Protein backbone atom coordinates (compact mmCIF):
# COMPACT_ATOMS: atom_id res chain seq x y z
CA MET A 1 92.57 90.10 90.72
CA LEU A 2 95.55 91.65 88.92
CA PRO A 3 96.94 91.43 85.52
CA ALA A 4 99.36 88.32 85.46
CA LYS A 5 102.56 90.28 85.03
CA PHE A 6 101.78 92.21 88.10
CA ASN A 7 101.05 89.18 90.34
CA LYS A 8 104.00 89.98 92.63
CA LEU A 9 101.94 92.95 93.92
CA LYS A 10 98.94 90.77 94.96
CA ILE A 11 100.45 90.92 98.54
CA TYR A 12 99.17 94.43 98.64
CA SER A 13 95.54 93.73 97.85
CA GLU A 14 94.51 95.39 100.95
CA TRP A 15 95.62 98.66 99.24
CA ILE A 16 92.96 98.06 96.38
CA LEU A 17 90.39 100.46 97.65
CA GLU A 18 87.38 101.88 95.88
CA ASN A 19 87.61 105.66 96.71
CA GLU A 20 89.74 108.47 98.20
CA GLN A 21 88.20 108.27 101.56
CA ALA A 22 89.07 104.64 102.10
CA ARG A 23 92.68 105.06 100.45
CA ARG A 24 93.31 107.96 102.92
CA ASN A 25 92.01 106.06 105.78
CA LYS A 26 94.31 103.08 104.94
CA CYS A 27 97.30 105.49 105.16
CA ASP A 28 96.10 107.11 108.21
CA ASN A 29 95.68 103.90 110.02
CA SER A 30 98.98 102.14 108.74
CA SER A 31 102.29 102.20 110.06
CA MET A 32 105.05 104.11 108.31
CA ASP A 33 106.97 100.83 107.80
CA ASP A 34 103.87 99.29 105.99
CA ILE A 35 103.27 102.49 104.05
CA ARG A 36 106.94 102.52 103.01
CA THR A 37 107.06 98.89 101.94
CA PHE A 38 103.94 99.40 99.76
CA TYR A 39 105.39 102.64 98.42
CA ASP A 40 108.62 101.13 97.52
CA ALA A 41 107.09 98.00 95.82
CA MET A 42 104.88 100.38 93.64
CA LEU A 43 107.57 102.79 92.85
CA ALA A 44 109.70 99.90 91.43
CA SER A 45 106.83 98.88 89.23
CA LEU A 46 105.29 102.16 88.44
CA GLU A 47 106.70 102.72 85.16
CA ASN A 48 105.60 99.38 83.94
CA ILE A 49 102.13 99.73 85.43
CA LEU A 50 101.38 102.96 83.97
CA GLU A 51 102.68 101.67 80.38
CA HIS A 52 100.26 98.79 81.00
CA LEU A 53 97.30 101.01 81.86
CA ASN A 54 97.76 103.27 79.07
CA GLY A 55 96.56 100.61 76.76
CA TYR A 56 92.99 100.75 78.25
CA GLN A 57 90.18 103.38 78.38
CA LEU A 58 89.02 104.25 81.78
CA ASP A 59 85.51 103.66 81.02
CA ASN A 60 86.19 100.12 79.44
CA MET A 61 88.78 98.78 81.93
CA PRO A 62 88.72 95.05 82.72
CA ALA A 63 88.65 94.28 86.49
CA ALA A 64 92.15 93.29 86.92
CA GLU A 65 93.30 96.64 85.39
CA GLN A 66 90.75 98.50 87.55
CA ASN A 67 92.42 97.02 90.59
CA LEU A 68 95.82 97.82 89.27
CA LEU A 69 94.72 101.35 88.93
CA SER A 70 93.36 101.32 92.31
CA LEU A 71 96.80 100.34 93.62
CA VAL A 72 98.29 103.47 91.72
CA LEU A 73 95.83 105.82 93.39
CA SER A 74 96.73 104.22 96.74
CA TYR A 75 100.32 104.71 95.97
CA VAL A 76 99.50 108.31 95.37
CA GLU A 77 98.17 108.75 99.03
CA ALA A 78 101.09 106.74 100.31
CA ALA A 79 103.59 109.04 98.36
CA MET A 80 102.24 111.95 100.46
CA SER A 81 102.94 110.19 103.69
CA VAL A 82 106.56 109.09 102.55
CA GLU A 83 107.63 112.09 100.37
CA MET A 84 106.12 115.07 101.99
CA PHE A 85 105.15 114.40 105.76
CA GLU A 86 107.19 111.33 106.69
CA GLN A 87 104.21 110.25 108.97
CA PRO A 88 100.81 108.42 108.11
CA GLU A 89 98.52 111.41 108.70
CA ILE A 90 98.61 114.64 106.67
CA PRO A 91 99.15 117.29 109.54
CA PHE A 92 96.53 120.18 109.36
CA GLY A 93 94.58 118.08 106.77
CA VAL A 94 90.85 117.61 106.81
CA SER A 95 89.84 114.43 108.74
CA VAL A 96 88.99 111.64 106.40
CA GLU A 97 85.72 111.29 108.08
CA ARG A 98 84.61 114.79 107.09
CA PHE A 99 86.21 114.53 103.53
CA GLU A 100 83.54 113.62 100.86
CA PRO A 101 84.84 113.95 97.28
CA LEU A 102 82.19 115.25 94.93
CA HIS A 103 84.02 115.25 91.64
CA HIS A 104 82.08 112.19 90.52
CA LEU A 105 79.06 114.44 90.35
CA VAL A 106 80.63 116.75 87.68
CA PRO A 107 79.74 115.60 84.16
């Protein structure tokens, strides 16, 4: 599921999500305590994670590394809740149900 040296992060596997909508929805429906716990764990490992992921091409990344990258992307969503808003939801933001990213359509 994750590269062996990041096994301690397996307890956060529910944060391995496939897209922005799912990640934002996870934050919106999590408690601040859960978001903060995940955020703190990821922050402590982030430098090592990024160094590890830099050794792979995005289009040729093994599944374990893809899962690790997904955790990093969820960390980014959690960071907005922790660092900017101090609450799960983004005030005055677009509802996750209405948000449909289209950047994957751009070549």
